[in-house]
PDB file of N, CA and C in Angstrom:
ATOM      1  N   MET A   1     -28.561 -12.994  20.905  1.00  0.00           N
ATOM      2  CA  MET A   1     -27.738 -12.149  21.691  1.00  0.00           C
ATOM      3  C   MET A   1     -27.873 -10.736  21.200  1.00  0.00           C
ATOM      4  N   ASP A   2     -28.223  -9.904  22.053  1.00  0.00           N
ATOM      5  CA  ASP A   2     -28.410  -8.514  21.657  1.00  0.00           C
ATOM      6  C   ASP A   2     -27.294  -7.686  22.375  1.00  0.00           C
ATOM      7  N   GLU A   3     -26.715  -6.780  21.593  1.00  0.00           N
ATOM      8  CA  GLU A   3     -25.701  -5.902  22.130  1.00  0.00           C
ATOM      9  C   GLU A   3     -26.322  -4.494  22.221  1.00  0.00           C
ATOM     10  N   THR A   4     -26.091  -3.851  23.337  1.00  0.00           N
ATOM     11  CA  THR A   4     -26.641  -2.477  23.479  1.00  0.00           C
ATOM     12  C   THR A   4     -25.579  -1.484  22.994  1.00  0.00           C
ATOM     13  N   GLN A   5     -25.989  -0.615  22.177  1.00  0.00           N
ATOM     14  CA  GLN A   5     -25.133   0.417  21.630  1.00  0.00           C
ATOM     15  C   GLN A   5     -25.208   1.612  22.549  1.00  0.00           C
ATOM     16  N   PRO A   6     -24.168   2.552  22.412  1.00  0.00           N
ATOM     17  CA  PRO A   6     -24.250   3.741  23.245  1.00  0.00           C
ATOM     18  C   PRO A   6     -25.474   4.592  22.994  1.00  0.00           C
ATOM     19  N   ASP A   7     -26.021   4.517  21.832  1.00  0.00           N
ATOM     20  CA  ASP A   7     -27.249   5.398  21.552  1.00  0.00           C
ATOM     21  C   ASP A   7     -28.503   4.723  22.097  1.00  0.00           C
ATOM     22  N   GLY A   8     -28.370   3.572  22.780  1.00  0.00           N
ATOM     23  CA  GLY A   8     -29.563   2.940  23.382  1.00  0.00           C
ATOM     24  C   GLY A   8     -30.247   1.976  22.540  1.00  0.00           C
ATOM     25  N   LYS A   9     -29.908   1.846  21.287  1.00  0.00           N
ATOM     26  CA  LYS A   9     -30.545   0.888  20.425  1.00  0.00           C
ATOM     27  C   LYS A   9     -29.801  -0.482  20.470  1.00  0.00           C
ATOM     28  N   SER A  10     -30.490  -1.515  20.346  1.00  0.00           N
ATOM     29  CA  SER A  10     -29.865  -2.786  20.420  1.00  0.00           C
ATOM     30  C   SER A  10     -29.809  -3.403  19.033  1.00  0.00           C
ATOM     31  N   ARG A  11     -28.711  -4.057  18.769  1.00  0.00           N
ATOM     32  CA  ARG A  11     -28.523  -4.769  17.491  1.00  0.00           C
ATOM     33  C   ARG A  11     -28.364  -6.230  17.780  1.00  0.00           C
ATOM     34  N   PRO A  12     -28.871  -7.026  16.874  1.00  0.00           N
ATOM     35  CA  PRO A  12     -28.581  -8.504  17.126  1.00  0.00           C
ATOM     36  C   PRO A  12     -27.153  -8.787  16.915  1.00  0.00           C
ATOM     37  N   GLY A  13     -26.640  -9.780  17.631  1.00  0.00           N
ATOM     38  CA  GLY A  13     -25.253 -10.213  17.551  1.00  0.00           C
ATOM     39  C   GLY A  13     -25.051 -11.102  16.325  1.00  0.00           C
ATOM     40  N   PRO A  14     -23.872 -11.514  16.133  1.00  0.00           N
ATOM     41  CA  PRO A  14     -23.664 -12.456  14.972  1.00  0.00           C
ATOM     42  C   PRO A  14     -24.388 -13.778  15.162  1.00  0.00           C
ATOM     43  N   ALA A  15     -24.864 -14.271  14.068  1.00  0.00           N
ATOM     44  CA  ALA A  15     -25.612 -15.529  14.122  1.00  0.00           C
ATOM     45  C   ALA A  15     -24.574 -16.640  14.346  1.00  0.00           C
ATOM     46  N   VAL A  16     -24.915 -17.503  15.322  1.00  0.00           N
ATOM     47  CA  VAL A  16     -24.068 -18.585  15.727  1.00  0.00           C
ATOM     48  C   VAL A  16     -24.686 -19.913  15.227  1.00  0.00           C
ATOM     49  N   THR A  17     -23.972 -20.585  14.380  1.00  0.00           N
ATOM     50  CA  THR A  17     -24.440 -21.869  13.911  1.00  0.00           C
ATOM     51  C   THR A  17     -23.702 -23.008  14.666  1.00  0.00           C
ATOM     52  N   PRO A  18     -24.320 -24.181  14.710  1.00  0.00           N
ATOM     53  CA  PRO A  18     -23.732 -25.280  15.522  1.00  0.00           C
ATOM     54  C   PRO A  18     -22.298 -25.671  15.046  1.00  0.00           C
ATOM     55  N   GLY A  19     -21.980 -25.513  13.799  1.00  0.00           N
ATOM     56  CA  GLY A  19     -20.718 -25.978  13.344  1.00  0.00           C
ATOM     57  C   GLY A  19     -19.588 -24.964  13.417  1.00  0.00           C
ATOM     58  N   ASP A  20     -19.898 -23.720  13.842  1.00  0.00           N
ATOM     59  CA  ASP A  20     -18.868 -22.663  13.844  1.00  0.00           C
ATOM     60  C   ASP A  20     -17.728 -22.974  14.806  1.00  0.00           C
ATOM     61  N   GLY A  21     -17.981 -23.650  15.889  1.00  0.00           N
ATOM     62  CA  GLY A  21     -16.919 -23.852  16.872  1.00  0.00           C
ATOM     63  C   GLY A  21     -15.868 -24.753  16.293  1.00  0.00           C
ATOM     64  N   LEU A  22     -16.220 -25.775  15.566  1.00  0.00           N
ATOM     65  CA  LEU A  22     -15.196 -26.728  14.995  1.00  0.00           C
ATOM     66  C   LEU A  22     -14.637 -26.196  13.747  1.00  0.00           C
ATOM     67  N   ALA A  23     -15.406 -25.603  12.840  1.00  0.00           N
ATOM     68  CA  ALA A  23     -14.888 -25.145  11.620  1.00  0.00           C
ATOM     69  C   ALA A  23     -13.938 -23.978  11.715  1.00  0.00           C
ATOM     70  N   GLY A  24     -14.177 -23.091  12.701  1.00  0.00           N
ATOM     71  CA  GLY A  24     -13.377 -21.951  12.839  1.00  0.00           C
ATOM     72  C   GLY A  24     -12.074 -22.208  13.646  1.00  0.00           C
ATOM     73  N   SER A  25     -11.973 -23.312  14.291  1.00  0.00           N
ATOM     74  CA  SER A  25     -10.800 -23.598  15.176  1.00  0.00           C
ATOM     75  C   SER A  25      -9.617 -24.123  14.390  1.00  0.00           C
ATOM     76  N   GLU A  26      -8.530 -24.294  15.079  1.00  0.00           N
ATOM     77  CA  GLU A  26      -7.332 -24.771  14.429  1.00  0.00           C
ATOM     78  C   GLU A  26      -7.064 -26.250  14.688  1.00  0.00           C
ATOM     79  N   TRP A  27      -8.082 -27.031  15.077  1.00  0.00           N
ATOM     80  CA  TRP A  27      -7.825 -28.416  15.456  1.00  0.00           C
ATOM     81  C   TRP A  27      -7.257 -29.280  14.339  1.00  0.00           C
ATOM     82  N   PRO A  28      -7.636 -29.077  13.078  1.00  0.00           N
ATOM     83  CA  PRO A  28      -6.991 -29.924  12.064  1.00  0.00           C
ATOM     84  C   PRO A  28      -5.508 -29.736  11.967  1.00  0.00           C
ATOM     85  N   ALA A  29      -5.054 -28.508  12.075  1.00  0.00           N
ATOM     86  CA  ALA A  29      -3.628 -28.259  12.008  1.00  0.00           C
ATOM     87  C   ALA A  29      -2.949 -28.802  13.222  1.00  0.00           C
ATOM     88  N   LYS A  30      -3.611 -28.717  14.423  1.00  0.00           N
ATOM     89  CA  LYS A  30      -3.015 -29.203  15.629  1.00  0.00           C
ATOM     90  C   LYS A  30      -2.875 -30.755  15.586  1.00  0.00           C
ATOM     91  N   VAL A  31      -3.961 -31.348  15.064  1.00  0.00           N
ATOM     92  CA  VAL A  31      -3.871 -32.849  14.920  1.00  0.00           C
ATOM     93  C   VAL A  31      -2.807 -33.269  13.909  1.00  0.00           C
ATOM     94  N   ALA A  32      -2.743 -32.593  12.800  1.00  0.00           N
ATOM     95  CA  ALA A  32      -1.717 -32.885  11.840  1.00  0.00           C
ATOM     96  C   ALA A  32      -0.278 -32.716  12.378  1.00  0.00           C
ATOM     97  N   GLN A  33      -0.147 -31.623  13.181  1.00  0.00           N
ATOM     98  CA  GLN A  33       1.198 -31.358  13.763  1.00  0.00           C
ATOM     99  C   GLN A  33       1.515 -32.435  14.838  1.00  0.00           C
ATOM    100  N   GLY A  34       0.519 -32.872  15.566  1.00  0.00           N
ATOM    101  CA  GLY A  34       0.748 -33.919  16.518  1.00  0.00           C
ATOM    102  C   GLY A  34       1.161 -35.264  15.873  1.00  0.00           C
ATOM    103  N   VAL A  35       0.469 -35.568  14.774  1.00  0.00           N
ATOM    104  CA  VAL A  35       0.836 -36.783  14.118  1.00  0.00           C
ATOM    105  C   VAL A  35       2.240 -36.693  13.451  1.00  0.00           C
ATOM    106  N   GLU A  36       2.562 -35.502  12.961  1.00  0.00           N
ATOM    107  CA  GLU A  36       3.912 -35.318  12.425  1.00  0.00           C
ATOM    108  C   GLU A  36       4.981 -35.384  13.494  1.00  0.00           C
ATOM    109  N   ASP A  37       4.716 -34.807  14.640  1.00  0.00           N
ATOM    110  CA  ASP A  37       5.610 -34.906  15.772  1.00  0.00           C
ATOM    111  C   ASP A  37       5.808 -36.305  16.243  1.00  0.00           C
ATOM    112  N   THR A  38       4.721 -37.111  16.343  1.00  0.00           N
ATOM    113  CA  THR A  38       4.796 -38.506  16.746  1.00  0.00           C
ATOM    114  C   THR A  38       5.630 -39.318  15.729  1.00  0.00           C
ATOM    115  N   VAL A  39       5.370 -39.142  14.525  1.00  0.00           N
ATOM    116  CA  VAL A  39       6.116 -39.859  13.461  1.00  0.00           C
ATOM    117  C   VAL A  39       7.660 -39.458  13.557  1.00  0.00           C
ATOM    118  N   ALA A  40       7.957 -38.213  13.797  1.00  0.00           N
ATOM    119  CA  ALA A  40       9.301 -37.772  13.889  1.00  0.00           C
ATOM    120  C   ALA A  40      10.025 -38.440  15.089  1.00  0.00           C
ATOM    121  N   ILE A  41       9.306 -38.486  16.228  1.00  0.00           N
ATOM    122  CA  ILE A  41       9.826 -39.121  17.394  1.00  0.00           C
ATOM    123  C   ILE A  41      10.090 -40.600  17.217  1.00  0.00           C
ATOM    124  N   VAL A  42       9.149 -41.317  16.597  1.00  0.00           N
ATOM    125  CA  VAL A  42       9.295 -42.773  16.279  1.00  0.00           C
ATOM    126  C   VAL A  42      10.514 -42.912  15.371  1.00  0.00           C
ATOM    127  N   HIS A  43      10.594 -42.114  14.339  1.00  0.00           N
ATOM    128  CA  HIS A  43      11.731 -42.197  13.413  1.00  0.00           C
ATOM    129  C   HIS A  43      13.050 -41.968  14.132  1.00  0.00           C
ATOM    130  N   ASP A  44      13.105 -40.960  14.958  1.00  0.00           N
ATOM    131  CA  ASP A  44      14.390 -40.674  15.682  1.00  0.00           C
ATOM    132  C   ASP A  44      14.761 -41.760  16.639  1.00  0.00           C
ATOM    133  N   ARG A  45      13.801 -42.302  17.318  1.00  0.00           N
ATOM    134  CA  ARG A  45      14.124 -43.281  18.426  1.00  0.00           C
ATOM    135  C   ARG A  45      14.115 -44.673  18.020  1.00  0.00           C
ATOM    136  N   LEU A  46      13.503 -45.054  16.905  1.00  0.00           N
ATOM    137  CA  LEU A  46      13.425 -46.489  16.536  1.00  0.00           C
ATOM    138  C   LEU A  46      13.979 -46.759  15.146  1.00  0.00           C
ATOM    139  N   VAL A  47      13.558 -46.006  14.168  1.00  0.00           N
ATOM    140  CA  VAL A  47      13.954 -46.303  12.772  1.00  0.00           C
ATOM    141  C   VAL A  47      15.401 -45.969  12.565  1.00  0.00           C
ATOM    142  N   ARG A  48      15.861 -44.792  13.024  1.00  0.00           N
ATOM    143  CA  ARG A  48      17.272 -44.371  12.776  1.00  0.00           C
ATOM    144  C   ARG A  48      18.249 -45.345  13.364  1.00  0.00           C
ATOM    145  N   PRO A  49      18.103 -45.768  14.730  1.00  0.00           N
ATOM    146  CA  PRO A  49      19.057 -46.770  15.237  1.00  0.00           C
ATOM    147  C   PRO A  49      19.017 -48.031  14.490  1.00  0.00           C
ATOM    148  N   LEU A  50      17.842 -48.474  14.021  1.00  0.00           N
ATOM    149  CA  LEU A  50      17.761 -49.753  13.244  1.00  0.00           C
ATOM    150  C   LEU A  50      18.470 -49.621  11.935  1.00  0.00           C
ATOM    151  N   LEU A  51      18.418 -48.419  11.264  1.00  0.00           N
ATOM    152  CA  LEU A  51      19.130 -48.189  10.004  1.00  0.00           C
ATOM    153  C   LEU A  51      20.652 -48.212  10.245  1.00  0.00           C
ATOM    154  N   ILE A  52      21.060 -47.565  11.368  1.00  0.00           N
ATOM    155  CA  ILE A  52      22.524 -47.561  11.629  1.00  0.00           C
ATOM    156  C   ILE A  52      23.025 -48.948  11.935  1.00  0.00           C
ATOM    157  N   ALA A  53      22.238 -49.721  12.723  1.00  0.00           N
ATOM    158  CA  ALA A  53      22.647 -51.087  13.033  1.00  0.00           C
ATOM    159  C   ALA A  53      22.711 -51.958  11.760  1.00  0.00           C
ATOM    160  N   GLY A  54      21.717 -51.763  10.931  1.00  0.00           N
ATOM    161  CA  GLY A  54      21.696 -52.545   9.636  1.00  0.00           C
ATOM    162  C   GLY A  54      22.902 -52.209   8.774  1.00  0.00           C
ATOM    163  N   ARG A  55      23.209 -50.883   8.673  1.00  0.00           N
ATOM    164  CA  ARG A  55      24.391 -50.471   7.931  1.00  0.00           C
ATOM    165  C   ARG A  55      25.658 -51.075   8.518  1.00  0.00           C
ATOM    166  N   ALA A  56      25.758 -51.080   9.844  1.00  0.00           N
ATOM    167  CA  ALA A  56      26.997 -51.644  10.483  1.00  0.00           C
ATOM    168  C   ALA A  56      27.101 -53.129  10.195  1.00  0.00           C
ATOM    169  N   VAL A  57      26.012 -53.865  10.230  1.00  0.00           N
ATOM    170  CA  VAL A  57      26.092 -55.285   9.905  1.00  0.00           C
ATOM    171  C   VAL A  57      26.535 -55.537   8.535  1.00  0.00           C
ATOM    172  N   VAL A  58      25.918 -54.812   7.554  1.00  0.00           N
ATOM    173  CA  VAL A  58      26.303 -54.999   6.141  1.00  0.00           C
ATOM    174  C   VAL A  58      27.722 -54.603   5.924  1.00  0.00           C
ATOM    175  N   PHE A  59      28.163 -53.446   6.368  1.00  0.00           N
ATOM    176  CA  PHE A  59      29.553 -53.005   6.161  1.00  0.00           C
ATOM    177  C   PHE A  59      30.492 -53.963   6.873  1.00  0.00           C
ATOM    178  N   GLY A  60      30.114 -54.527   8.029  1.00  0.00           N
ATOM    179  CA  GLY A  60      30.963 -55.491   8.708  1.00  0.00           C
ATOM    180  C   GLY A  60      31.137 -56.753   7.888  1.00  0.00           C
ATOM    181  N   LEU A  61      30.039 -57.215   7.304  1.00  0.00           N
ATOM    182  CA  LEU A  61      30.109 -58.434   6.506  1.00  0.00           C
ATOM    183  C   LEU A  61      30.921 -58.210   5.233  1.00  0.00           C
ATOM    184  N   VAL A  62      30.812 -57.043   4.603  1.00  0.00           N
ATOM    185  CA  VAL A  62      31.625 -56.708   3.442  1.00  0.00           C
ATOM    186  C   VAL A  62      33.067 -56.643   3.779  1.00  0.00           C
ATOM    187  N   ALA A  63      33.384 -56.043   4.907  1.00  0.00           N
ATOM    188  CA  ALA A  63      34.768 -55.914   5.333  1.00  0.00           C
ATOM    189  C   ALA A  63      35.325 -57.274   5.715  1.00  0.00           C
ATOM    190  N   ALA A  64      34.577 -58.145   6.320  1.00  0.00           N
ATOM    191  CA  ALA A  64      35.071 -59.498   6.643  1.00  0.00           C
ATOM    192  C   ALA A  64      35.291 -60.304   5.388  1.00  0.00           C
ATOM    193  N   ALA A  65      34.412 -60.185   4.414  1.00  0.00           N
ATOM    194  CA  ALA A  65      34.616 -60.923   3.203  1.00  0.00           C
ATOM    195  C   ALA A  65      35.856 -60.417   2.432  1.00  0.00           C
ATOM    196  N   MET A  66      36.063 -59.104   2.423  1.00  0.00           N
ATOM    197  CA  MET A  66      37.201 -58.553   1.808  1.00  0.00           C
ATOM    198  C   MET A  66      38.496 -58.987   2.532  1.00  0.00           C
ATOM    199  N   ALA A  67      38.479 -59.017   3.843  1.00  0.00           N
ATOM    200  CA  ALA A  67      39.656 -59.466   4.622  1.00  0.00           C
ATOM    201  C   ALA A  67      39.959 -60.948   4.327  1.00  0.00           C
ATOM    202  N   LEU A  68      38.945 -61.763   4.216  1.00  0.00           N
ATOM    203  CA  LEU A  68      39.129 -63.181   3.956  1.00  0.00           C
ATOM    204  C   LEU A  68      39.769 -63.354   2.546  1.00  0.00           C
ATOM    205  N   VAL A  69      39.276 -62.662   1.556  1.00  0.00           N
ATOM    206  CA  VAL A  69      39.872 -62.732   0.209  1.00  0.00           C
ATOM    207  C   VAL A  69      41.308 -62.208   0.252  1.00  0.00           C
ATOM    208  N   LEU A  70      41.529 -61.158   0.902  1.00  0.00           N
ATOM    209  CA  LEU A  70      42.901 -60.606   0.986  1.00  0.00           C
ATOM    210  C   LEU A  70      43.828 -61.557   1.717  1.00  0.00           C
ATOM    211  N   LEU A  71      43.403 -62.226   2.747  1.00  0.00           N
ATOM    212  CA  LEU A  71      44.261 -63.214   3.405  1.00  0.00           C
ATOM    213  C   LEU A  71      44.538 -64.363   2.518  1.00  0.00           C
ATOM    214  N   ALA A  72      43.573 -64.857   1.737  1.00  0.00           N
ATOM    215  CA  ALA A  72      43.775 -65.938   0.782  1.00  0.00           C
ATOM    216  C   ALA A  72      44.802 -65.557  -0.255  1.00  0.00           C
ATOM    217  N   LEU A  73      44.612 -64.325  -0.830  1.00  0.00           N
ATOM    218  CA  LEU A  73      45.535 -63.899  -1.886  1.00  0.00           C
ATOM    219  C   LEU A  73      46.948 -63.672  -1.319  1.00  0.00           C
ATOM    220  N   LEU A  74      47.060 -63.167  -0.102  1.00  0.00           N
ATOM    221  CA  LEU A  74      48.299 -62.972   0.501  1.00  0.00           C
ATOM    222  C   LEU A  74      49.059 -64.303   0.746  1.00  0.00           C
ATOM    223  N   THR A  75      48.343 -65.264   1.193  1.00  0.00           N
ATOM    224  CA  THR A  75      48.910 -66.607   1.436  1.00  0.00           C
ATOM    225  C   THR A  75      49.342 -67.215   0.116  1.00  0.00           C
ATOM    226  N   ILE A  76      48.555 -67.118  -0.952  1.00  0.00           N
ATOM    227  CA  ILE A  76      48.966 -67.654  -2.215  1.00  0.00           C
ATOM    228  C   ILE A  76      50.205 -66.926  -2.717  1.00  0.00           C
ATOM    229  N   ALA A  77      50.253 -65.580  -2.579  1.00  0.00           N
ATOM    230  CA  ALA A  77      51.418 -64.829  -3.023  1.00  0.00           C
ATOM    231  C   ALA A  77      52.696 -65.247  -2.288  1.00  0.00           C
ATOM    232  N   VAL A  78      52.601 -65.472  -0.931  1.00  0.00           N
ATOM    233  CA  VAL A  78      53.733 -65.845  -0.198  1.00  0.00           C
ATOM    234  C   VAL A  78      54.244 -67.209  -0.601  1.00  0.00           C
ATOM    235  N   VAL A  79      53.351 -68.161  -0.765  1.00  0.00           N
ATOM    236  CA  VAL A  79      53.746 -69.563  -1.250  1.00  0.00           C
ATOM    237  C   VAL A  79      54.389 -69.450  -2.572  1.00  0.00           C
ATOM    238  N   ARG A  80      53.782 -68.620  -3.435  1.00  0.00           N
ATOM    239  CA  ARG A  80      54.336 -68.556  -4.805  1.00  0.00           C
ATOM    240  C   ARG A  80      55.699 -67.937  -4.847  1.00  0.00           C
ATOM    241  N   ILE A  81      55.880 -66.862  -4.046  1.00  0.00           N
ATOM    242  CA  ILE A  81      57.181 -66.162  -3.977  1.00  0.00           C
ATOM    243  C   ILE A  81      58.256 -67.101  -3.410  1.00  0.00           C
ATOM    244  N   LEU A  82      57.899 -67.831  -2.326  1.00  0.00           N
ATOM    245  CA  LEU A  82      58.845 -68.745  -1.742  1.00  0.00           C
ATOM    246  C   LEU A  82      59.194 -69.901  -2.655  1.00  0.00           C
ATOM    247  N   ASP A  83      58.140 -70.366  -3.363  1.00  0.00           N
ATOM    248  CA  ASP A  83      58.365 -71.484  -4.310  1.00  0.00           C
ATOM    249  C   ASP A  83      59.298 -71.136  -5.476  1.00  0.00           C
ATOM    250  N   VAL A  84      59.120 -69.916  -6.047  1.00  0.00           N
ATOM    251  CA  VAL A  84      59.890 -69.552  -7.156  1.00  0.00           C
ATOM    252  C   VAL A  84      61.270 -69.019  -6.841  1.00  0.00           C
ATOM    253  N   TYR A  85      61.310 -68.128  -5.809  1.00  0.00           N
ATOM    254  CA  TYR A  85      62.568 -67.415  -5.570  1.00  0.00           C
ATOM    255  C   TYR A  85      63.397 -68.037  -4.430  1.00  0.00           C
ATOM    256  N   ALA A  86      62.792 -68.623  -3.452  1.00  0.00           N
ATOM    257  CA  ALA A  86      63.580 -69.101  -2.300  1.00  0.00           C
ATOM    258  C   ALA A  86      63.939 -70.597  -2.430  1.00  0.00           C
ATOM    259  N   PHE A  87      63.047 -71.418  -2.971  1.00  0.00           N
ATOM    260  CA  PHE A  87      63.284 -72.867  -2.924  1.00  0.00           C
ATOM    261  C   PHE A  87      63.397 -73.473  -4.336  1.00  0.00           C
ATOM    262  N   ARG A  88      63.592 -72.682  -5.408  1.00  0.00           N
ATOM    263  CA  ARG A  88      63.832 -73.180  -6.733  1.00  0.00           C
ATOM    264  C   ARG A  88      62.817 -74.221  -7.243  1.00  0.00           C
ATOM    265  N   HIS A  89      61.594 -73.846  -7.164  1.00  0.00           N
ATOM    266  CA  HIS A  89      60.470 -74.663  -7.647  1.00  0.00           C
ATOM    267  C   HIS A  89      60.287 -75.993  -6.894  1.00  0.00           C
ATOM    268  N   HIS A  90      60.588 -75.962  -5.626  1.00  0.00           N
ATOM    269  CA  HIS A  90      60.225 -77.056  -4.695  1.00  0.00           C
ATOM    270  C   HIS A  90      59.174 -76.477  -3.774  1.00  0.00           C
ATOM    271  N   VAL A  91      57.913 -76.912  -3.977  1.00  0.00           N
ATOM    272  CA  VAL A  91      56.811 -76.279  -3.300  1.00  0.00           C
ATOM    273  C   VAL A  91      56.633 -76.726  -1.846  1.00  0.00           C
ATOM    274  N   TRP A  92      57.150 -77.896  -1.518  1.00  0.00           N
ATOM    275  CA  TRP A  92      56.836 -78.396  -0.155  1.00  0.00           C
ATOM    276  C   TRP A  92      57.596 -77.571   0.941  1.00  0.00           C
ATOM    277  N   PRO A  93      58.801 -76.987   0.654  1.00  0.00           N
ATOM    278  CA  PRO A  93      59.400 -76.170   1.724  1.00  0.00           C
ATOM    279  C   PRO A  93      58.576 -74.843   1.842  1.00  0.00           C
ATOM    280  N   ALA A  94      57.983 -74.362   0.774  1.00  0.00           N
ATOM    281  CA  ALA A  94      57.173 -73.120   0.880  1.00  0.00           C
ATOM    282  C   ALA A  94      55.949 -73.432   1.772  1.00  0.00           C
ATOM    283  N   TYR A  95      55.324 -74.572   1.561  1.00  0.00           N
ATOM    284  CA  TYR A  95      54.190 -74.965   2.369  1.00  0.00           C
ATOM    285  C   TYR A  95      54.603 -75.091   3.795  1.00  0.00           C
ATOM    286  N   ALA A  96      55.730 -75.669   4.068  1.00  0.00           N
ATOM    287  CA  ALA A  96      56.257 -75.836   5.423  1.00  0.00           C
ATOM    288  C   ALA A  96      56.491 -74.522   6.089  1.00  0.00           C
ATOM    289  N   VAL A  97      57.039 -73.549   5.459  1.00  0.00           N
ATOM    290  CA  VAL A  97      57.297 -72.258   5.981  1.00  0.00           C
ATOM    291  C   VAL A  97      55.991 -71.506   6.304  1.00  0.00           C
ATOM    292  N   VAL A  98      55.020 -71.525   5.339  1.00  0.00           N
ATOM    293  CA  VAL A  98      53.786 -70.855   5.571  1.00  0.00           C
ATOM    294  C   VAL A  98      52.970 -71.528   6.696  1.00  0.00           C
ATOM    295  N   GLY A  99      53.056 -72.933   6.704  1.00  0.00           N
ATOM    296  CA  GLY A  99      52.399 -73.654   7.826  1.00  0.00           C
ATOM    297  C   GLY A  99      53.016 -73.374   9.149  1.00  0.00           C
ATOM    298  N   ALA A 100      54.358 -73.244   9.188  1.00  0.00           N
ATOM    299  CA  ALA A 100      55.057 -72.833  10.485  1.00  0.00           C
ATOM    300  C   ALA A 100      54.614 -71.481  10.958  1.00  0.00           C
ATOM    301  N   LEU A 101      54.523 -70.516  10.025  1.00  0.00           N
ATOM    302  CA  LEU A 101      54.028 -69.198  10.346  1.00  0.00           C
ATOM    303  C   LEU A 101      52.614 -69.168  10.883  1.00  0.00           C
ATOM    304  N   LEU A 102      51.722 -69.956  10.265  1.00  0.00           N
ATOM    305  CA  LEU A 102      50.362 -70.050  10.734  1.00  0.00           C
ATOM    306  C   LEU A 102      50.267 -70.736  12.091  1.00  0.00           C
ATOM    307  N   VAL A 103      51.059 -71.828  12.291  1.00  0.00           N
ATOM    308  CA  VAL A 103      51.073 -72.482  13.577  1.00  0.00           C
ATOM    309  C   VAL A 103      51.592 -71.522  14.705  1.00  0.00           C
ATOM    310  N   ALA A 104      52.643 -70.767  14.338  1.00  0.00           N
ATOM    311  CA  ALA A 104      53.122 -69.785  15.358  1.00  0.00           C
ATOM    312  C   ALA A 104      52.136 -68.755  15.689  1.00  0.00           C
ATOM    313  N   ALA A 105      51.374 -68.242  14.709  1.00  0.00           N
ATOM    314  CA  ALA A 105      50.327 -67.234  14.976  1.00  0.00           C
ATOM    315  C   ALA A 105      49.191 -67.856  15.788  1.00  0.00           C
ATOM    316  N   GLY A 106      48.883 -69.121  15.543  1.00  0.00           N
ATOM    317  CA  GLY A 106      47.868 -69.794  16.304  1.00  0.00           C
ATOM    318  C   GLY A 106      48.312 -70.048  17.786  1.00  0.00           C
ATOM    319  N   ALA A 107      49.572 -70.469  17.932  1.00  0.00           N
ATOM    320  CA  ALA A 107      50.076 -70.631  19.288  1.00  0.00           C
ATOM    321  C   ALA A 107      50.157 -69.299  20.038  1.00  0.00           C
ATOM    322  N   TYR A 108      50.478 -68.222  19.451  1.00  0.00           N
ATOM    323  CA  TYR A 108      50.441 -66.933  20.078  1.00  0.00           C
ATOM    324  C   TYR A 108      49.060 -66.551  20.498  1.00  0.00           C
ATOM    325  N   SER A 109      48.105 -66.756  19.624  1.00  0.00           N
ATOM    326  CA  SER A 109      46.742 -66.428  19.916  1.00  0.00           C
ATOM    327  C   SER A 109      46.187 -67.349  21.072  1.00  0.00           C
ATOM    328  N   TRP A 110      46.638 -68.584  21.046  1.00  0.00           N
ATOM    329  CA  TRP A 110      46.187 -69.552  22.059  1.00  0.00           C
ATOM    330  C   TRP A 110      46.782 -69.134  23.454  1.00  0.00           C
ATOM    331  N   SER A 111      47.917 -68.573  23.473  1.00  0.00           N
ATOM    332  CA  SER A 111      48.542 -68.205  24.752  1.00  0.00           C
ATOM    333  C   SER A 111      47.934 -66.921  25.312  1.00  0.00           C
ATOM    334  N   LYS A 112      47.226 -66.119  24.464  1.00  0.00           N
ATOM    335  CA  LYS A 112      46.635 -64.894  24.932  1.00  0.00           C
ATOM    336  C   LYS A 112      45.180 -65.081  25.313  1.00  0.00           C
ATOM    337  N   ARG A 113      44.654 -66.275  25.227  1.00  0.00           N
ATOM    338  CA  ARG A 113      43.259 -66.482  25.598  1.00  0.00           C
ATOM    339  C   ARG A 113      43.122 -66.308  27.120  1.00  0.00           C
ATOM    340  N   THR A 114      41.840 -66.140  27.559  1.00  0.00           N
ATOM    341  CA  THR A 114      41.507 -65.996  28.980  1.00  0.00           C
ATOM    342  C   THR A 114      40.597 -67.123  29.352  1.00  0.00           C
ATOM    343  N   ALA A 115      40.660 -67.462  30.669  1.00  0.00           N
ATOM    344  CA  ALA A 115      39.788 -68.533  31.137  1.00  0.00           C
ATOM    345  C   ALA A 115      38.366 -67.964  31.224  1.00  0.00           C
ATOM    346  N   PRO A 116      37.347 -68.760  30.963  1.00  0.00           N
ATOM    347  CA  PRO A 116      35.962 -68.300  31.061  1.00  0.00           C
ATOM    348  C   PRO A 116      35.626 -68.152  32.541  1.00  0.00           C
ATOM    349  N   ASN A 117      34.704 -67.235  32.785  1.00  0.00           N
ATOM    350  CA  ASN A 117      34.180 -67.057  34.159  1.00  0.00           C
ATOM    351  C   ASN A 117      33.292 -68.219  34.560  1.00  0.00           C
ATOM    352  N   ALA A 118      33.185 -68.456  35.868  1.00  0.00           N
ATOM    353  CA  ALA A 118      32.290 -69.573  36.341  1.00  0.00           C
ATOM    354  C   ALA A 118      30.805 -69.234  35.939  1.00  0.00           C
ATOM    355  N   GLU A 119      30.496 -67.942  35.801  1.00  0.00           N
ATOM    356  CA  GLU A 119      29.091 -67.560  35.491  1.00  0.00           C
ATOM    357  C   GLU A 119      28.784 -67.977  34.043  1.00  0.00           C
ATOM    358  N   GLU A 120      29.787 -67.874  33.180  1.00  0.00           N
ATOM    359  CA  GLU A 120      29.572 -68.106  31.694  1.00  0.00           C
ATOM    360  C   GLU A 120      29.516 -69.595  31.421  1.00  0.00           C
ATOM    361  N   ALA A 121      30.124 -70.451  32.205  1.00  0.00           N
ATOM    362  CA  ALA A 121      30.168 -71.869  31.969  1.00  0.00           C
ATOM    363  C   ALA A 121      28.883 -72.554  32.224  1.00  0.00           C
TER     364      ALA A 121
END
């Protein structure tokens, strides 16, 4: 490639080698940015919801276990308080009162149930 100068003399242009087009461009940075963007999208749309769901399951199981332990301790405490203070160390009336409370709670829950839909059956 020859370039003509204003003085009329021609100079040879810069030497072009076959690898100049790839080495001089920004394609490695563009490819790296594309990979980074794809990973970020996958993380935002797939990994993050799975992490949140996993945390919800774990925290739900921990809360359920704690509630079960609390319910057991509360029942033991009520039976013990009734046994010692209300019925003078006769345990069967304490069991009867706690059993009646649990039956009443079950009957209330049973009355609030709904009939299943024909589609669900």
